Amino acid sequence: MGMWNPWRGCHKCSEGCKYCYIHKGDYKRGVDTDNIVKTEKFYAPIEKNKKGEYKMKSGQTVYVCFSSDFLLPDADVWRNECWQMIKERQDMNFLFLTKRIQRFMECIPEDWGEGYENVTVGCTVENQSMADLKLSVFDDLPIKHKDIILQPLIEGVDLKDHLKNIELVVVGGESDYNARPLNYDWVLAVRDKCREAGTHFEFRQCGTYTIKDGKKFTLNVRQLCSQAKKADINF
């Protein structure tokens, strides 16, 4: 697994952003998250060592813009260079998540066609209104590999007819002292829809406050992923 953040910073744009870990971390460090800046690692995928070999190893999945959003309008001037690097590194798979899927068609390169084989796009939604709005767009976009990310999930969501051609659905709760609770019944409902559709499902993390069998549990941040794994409901 690799990480590539060609720029950093982001703007809150939906209810799911309310307790964003990036904004919280930047606030503690006195950094303005709304200031979008190009990073020193911008050219990381094509950097080479003295032997002329790529520093980023072949065959890995590279997580893109996990400290921002790849479709952020502020980054329009830089994105084409990123697409060129992604196209050059056909030996790696690039994965990015976005809350701005409505901008997708205006952000793709001219030769995108039906999509690059080495690019996976995850559409992030947190409640039913965002699912209805964004997934209706996501359904018809020319993308070879699609994921749906329900994280943080802040209410029950019915994916209805949005699972066609989806490779993976990820569910996770919110992690913050003020976090909105995650009801385990919501997780199971999504899991059941995925099972019916034959779509891979992953319960990635519980919420700081998780409700199960009518009881509210408070979990330490270090327990969120391990407790979700113990549920053993991934497939």
Protein backbone atom coordinates (compact mmCIF):
# COMPACT_ATOMS: atom_id res chain seq x y z
CA MET A 1 0.00 0.00 0.00
CA GLY A 2 1.24 3.45 -0.92
CA MET A 3 0.08 6.97 -0.06
CA TRP A 4 0.16 9.94 -2.41
CA ASN A 5 -1.06 13.37 -1.36
CA PRO A 6 -0.23 15.74 -4.24
CA TRP A 7 -1.96 18.55 -2.35
CA ARG A 8 -3.41 19.00 1.10
CA GLY A 9 -6.24 20.94 2.64
CA CYS A 10 -9.98 20.73 2.02
CA HIS A 11 -13.31 22.48 2.56
CA LYS A 12 -16.21 21.01 4.50
CA CYS A 13 -19.07 20.34 2.11
CA SER A 14 -21.59 18.04 3.78
CA GLU A 15 -22.83 16.68 7.11
CA GLY A 16 -20.22 13.93 6.97
CA CYS A 17 -17.49 16.57 7.26
CA LYS A 18 -18.68 17.91 10.61
CA TYR A 19 -16.00 16.16 12.71
CA CYS A 20 -13.43 15.62 9.93
CA TYR A 21 -10.15 14.27 11.32
CA ILE A 22 -8.13 16.40 8.90
CA HIS A 23 -9.69 19.64 10.14
CA LYS A 24 -9.32 18.54 13.77
CA GLY A 25 -5.67 17.67 13.34
CA ASP A 26 -4.89 20.89 11.51
CA TYR A 27 -6.67 22.97 14.15
CA LYS A 28 -4.46 21.48 16.86
CA ARG A 29 -1.36 22.35 14.81
CA GLY A 30 -2.56 25.83 13.96
CA VAL A 31 -2.90 24.98 10.25
CA ASP A 32 -5.64 26.48 8.07
CA THR A 33 -7.24 23.46 6.35
CA ASP A 34 -9.09 25.75 3.93
CA ASN A 35 -5.73 26.78 2.47
CA ILE A 36 -5.16 24.26 -0.36
CA VAL A 37 -1.47 23.81 -1.11
CA LYS A 38 0.60 21.64 -3.42
CA THR A 39 2.87 19.29 -1.47
CA GLU A 40 6.52 18.36 -1.85
CA LYS A 41 5.37 14.84 -2.76
CA PHE A 42 3.45 16.00 -5.82
CA TYR A 43 5.62 13.98 -8.20
CA ALA A 44 6.02 10.95 -5.93
CA PRO A 45 4.67 8.31 -8.39
CA ILE A 46 7.31 9.10 -11.00
CA GLU A 47 10.28 9.92 -8.80
CA LYS A 48 13.27 7.67 -9.47
CA ASN A 49 16.36 6.61 -7.54
CA LYS A 50 19.95 6.84 -8.77
CA LYS A 51 19.51 3.56 -10.65
CA GLY A 52 16.66 5.05 -12.65
CA GLU A 53 14.05 2.91 -10.89
CA TYR A 54 10.75 4.21 -9.63
CA LYS A 55 10.84 4.83 -5.88
CA MET A 56 7.20 3.77 -5.51
CA LYS A 57 7.14 0.01 -5.95
CA SER A 58 5.20 -1.65 -8.72
CA GLY A 59 2.07 -3.70 -8.03
CA GLN A 60 0.73 -1.76 -5.06
CA THR A 61 -2.48 0.14 -4.46
CA VAL A 62 -1.83 3.84 -3.99
CA TYR A 63 -4.26 5.83 -1.85
CA VAL A 64 -4.62 9.28 -3.43
CA CYS A 65 -5.52 12.56 -1.72
CA PHE A 66 -6.47 11.13 1.67
CA SER A 67 -5.69 14.55 3.17
CA SER A 68 -7.93 16.31 0.67
CA ASP A 69 -10.32 15.52 -2.21
CA PHE A 70 -9.02 14.68 -5.69
CA LEU A 71 -11.95 16.56 -7.30
CA LEU A 72 -11.54 19.72 -5.23
CA PRO A 73 -12.04 22.81 -7.46
CA ASP A 74 -8.96 24.48 -5.95
CA ALA A 75 -6.81 21.72 -7.48
CA ASP A 76 -8.09 21.99 -11.05
CA VAL A 77 -4.83 23.59 -12.18
CA TRP A 78 -2.76 20.62 -10.91
CA ARG A 79 -4.97 17.62 -11.68
CA ASN A 80 -3.98 17.07 -15.33
CA GLU A 81 -0.38 16.48 -14.29
CA CYS A 82 -1.62 13.90 -11.80
CA TRP A 83 -3.59 12.10 -14.51
CA GLN A 84 -0.43 11.98 -16.63
CA MET A 85 1.50 10.36 -13.77
CA ILE A 86 -1.33 7.88 -13.14
CA LYS A 87 -1.33 6.96 -16.81
CA GLU A 88 2.45 6.50 -16.75
CA ARG A 89 2.28 4.16 -13.77
CA GLN A 90 0.03 1.47 -15.25
CA ASP A 91 1.82 -0.96 -12.93
CA MET A 92 -0.01 0.45 -9.87
CA ASN A 93 -3.67 0.87 -8.94
CA PHE A 94 -4.71 4.35 -7.82
CA LEU A 95 -7.65 4.74 -5.45
CA PHE A 96 -9.27 8.02 -4.50
CA LEU A 97 -12.42 8.86 -2.54
CA THR A 98 -14.52 11.92 -3.21
CA LYS A 99 -17.48 13.81 -1.79
CA ARG A 100 -17.65 15.80 -5.02
CA ILE A 101 -18.63 13.12 -7.54
CA GLN A 102 -20.84 15.64 -9.37
CA ARG A 103 -17.62 17.26 -10.67
CA PHE A 104 -16.20 14.05 -12.08
CA MET A 105 -16.87 14.56 -15.79
CA GLU A 106 -15.31 18.02 -15.78
CA CYS A 107 -12.19 16.70 -14.03
CA ILE A 108 -11.20 13.75 -16.23
CA PRO A 109 -8.47 13.73 -18.91
CA GLU A 110 -9.33 13.86 -22.61
CA ASP A 111 -8.40 10.21 -23.17
CA TRP A 112 -10.42 8.86 -20.22
CA GLY A 113 -12.95 7.09 -22.44
CA GLU A 114 -14.67 4.42 -20.35
CA GLY A 115 -12.09 4.85 -17.60
CA TYR A 116 -8.50 3.95 -16.79
CA GLU A 117 -8.05 0.33 -15.79
CA ASN A 118 -5.71 1.30 -12.94
CA VAL A 119 -8.07 3.78 -11.25
CA THR A 120 -10.69 3.02 -8.58
CA VAL A 121 -13.09 5.76 -7.51
CA GLY A 122 -14.94 5.70 -4.19
CA CYS A 123 -18.06 7.84 -3.85
CA THR A 124 -18.47 8.90 -0.21
CA VAL A 125 -21.96 9.42 1.26
CA GLU A 126 -23.13 9.59 4.85
CA ASN A 127 -26.93 9.70 4.87
CA GLN A 128 -29.91 8.98 2.65
CA SER A 129 -30.15 12.43 1.09
CA MET A 130 -26.51 12.35 0.00
CA ALA A 131 -26.89 8.76 -1.23
CA ASP A 132 -29.89 9.69 -3.36
CA LEU A 133 -28.14 12.77 -4.75
CA LYS A 134 -24.65 11.46 -5.40
CA LEU A 135 -25.19 7.80 -6.24
CA SER A 136 -27.71 8.69 -8.93
CA VAL A 137 -24.80 10.49 -10.61
CA PHE A 138 -22.22 7.82 -9.77
CA ASP A 139 -24.39 5.09 -11.32
CA ASP A 140 -23.86 6.34 -14.85
CA LEU A 141 -20.28 7.56 -14.78
CA PRO A 142 -17.70 5.85 -17.04
CA ILE A 143 -15.47 4.34 -14.34
CA LYS A 144 -13.93 0.86 -14.55
CA HIS A 145 -13.75 0.27 -10.78
CA LYS A 146 -16.32 1.77 -8.39
CA ASP A 147 -16.63 1.65 -4.59
CA ILE A 148 -19.24 3.20 -2.29
CA ILE A 149 -17.95 4.54 1.03
CA LEU A 150 -20.51 4.97 3.83
CA GLN A 151 -18.13 6.52 6.34
CA PRO A 152 -19.03 8.12 8.58
CA LEU A 153 -22.48 6.56 8.40
CA ILE A 154 -24.74 8.86 10.43
CA GLU A 155 -28.13 7.34 9.62
CA GLY A 156 -29.60 4.28 7.98
CA VAL A 157 -29.09 4.22 4.21
CA ASP A 158 -30.92 2.13 1.62
CA LEU A 159 -28.67 1.68 -1.40
CA LYS A 160 -31.69 0.55 -3.42
CA ASP A 161 -30.66 0.18 -7.06
CA HIS A 162 -27.18 1.67 -6.68
CA LEU A 163 -25.14 -1.53 -6.35
CA LYS A 164 -24.84 -2.42 -10.03
CA ASN A 165 -21.18 -2.53 -11.07
CA ILE A 166 -20.03 -1.64 -7.55
CA GLU A 167 -17.01 -3.69 -6.46
CA LEU A 168 -16.97 -2.82 -2.76
CA VAL A 169 -19.11 -1.07 -0.14
CA VAL A 170 -17.33 0.16 3.00
CA VAL A 171 -19.19 1.13 6.19
CA GLY A 172 -17.74 2.93 9.20
CA GLY A 173 -18.79 4.99 12.19
CA GLU A 174 -17.70 8.42 13.32
CA SER A 175 -14.77 8.92 15.69
CA ASP A 176 -15.06 11.98 17.90
CA TYR A 177 -16.14 12.87 21.44
CA ASN A 178 -19.15 14.58 19.88
CA ALA A 179 -19.68 11.84 17.29
CA ARG A 180 -23.11 10.87 16.11
CA PRO A 181 -23.88 7.26 17.12
CA LEU A 182 -23.59 4.36 14.69
CA ASN A 183 -26.45 1.89 14.94
CA TYR A 184 -25.27 -1.64 14.19
CA ASP A 185 -28.65 -2.37 12.58
CA TRP A 186 -27.76 0.16 9.86
CA VAL A 187 -24.54 -1.74 9.19
CA LEU A 188 -26.34 -5.08 8.92
CA ALA A 189 -28.96 -3.61 6.60
CA VAL A 190 -26.27 -2.44 4.18
CA ARG A 191 -24.49 -5.77 4.48
CA ASP A 192 -27.69 -7.63 3.58
CA LYS A 193 -28.24 -5.48 0.48
CA CYS A 194 -24.68 -6.14 -0.62
CA ARG A 195 -25.10 -9.86 -0.10
CA GLU A 196 -28.24 -9.87 -2.24
CA ALA A 197 -26.40 -8.01 -5.00
CA GLY A 198 -23.20 -10.07 -4.76
CA THR A 199 -21.18 -6.96 -3.88
CA HIS A 200 -18.15 -7.13 -1.59
CA PHE A 201 -18.78 -5.56 1.82
CA GLU A 202 -16.44 -4.33 4.56
CA PHE A 203 -17.32 -3.07 8.03
CA ARG A 204 -14.22 -0.95 8.54
CA GLN A 205 -14.77 0.65 11.93
CA CYS A 206 -17.30 1.10 14.70
CA GLY A 207 -18.24 4.55 15.92
CA THR A 208 -17.01 6.13 19.13
CA TYR A 209 -20.64 5.64 20.15
CA THR A 210 -22.09 2.42 18.77
CA ILE A 211 -25.60 1.15 19.40
CA LYS A 212 -26.14 -2.60 19.35
CA ASP A 213 -29.18 -4.52 20.64
CA GLY A 214 -30.56 -1.26 22.04
CA LYS A 215 -27.44 -0.58 24.14
CA LYS A 216 -25.05 2.32 23.58
CA PHE A 217 -21.35 1.51 23.83
CA THR A 218 -18.51 4.02 24.10
CA LEU A 219 -15.30 2.86 22.43
CA ASN A 220 -11.74 4.12 22.49
CA VAL A 221 -10.43 5.18 19.07
CA ARG A 222 -7.93 2.29 19.19
CA GLN A 223 -10.83 -0.16 19.41
CA LEU A 224 -12.90 1.06 16.50
CA CYS A 225 -11.31 -1.05 13.77
CA SER A 226 -10.59 -4.11 15.90
CA GLN A 227 -14.17 -4.29 17.18
CA ALA A 228 -15.52 -4.01 13.65
CA LYS A 229 -13.25 -6.85 12.59
CA LYS A 230 -14.49 -8.99 15.49
CA ALA A 231 -18.04 -8.63 14.16
CA ASP A 232 -16.87 -10.92 11.32
CA ILE A 233 -19.46 -9.73 8.80
CA ASN A 234 -17.18 -8.85 5.87
CA PHE A 235 -17.42 -10.76 2.63
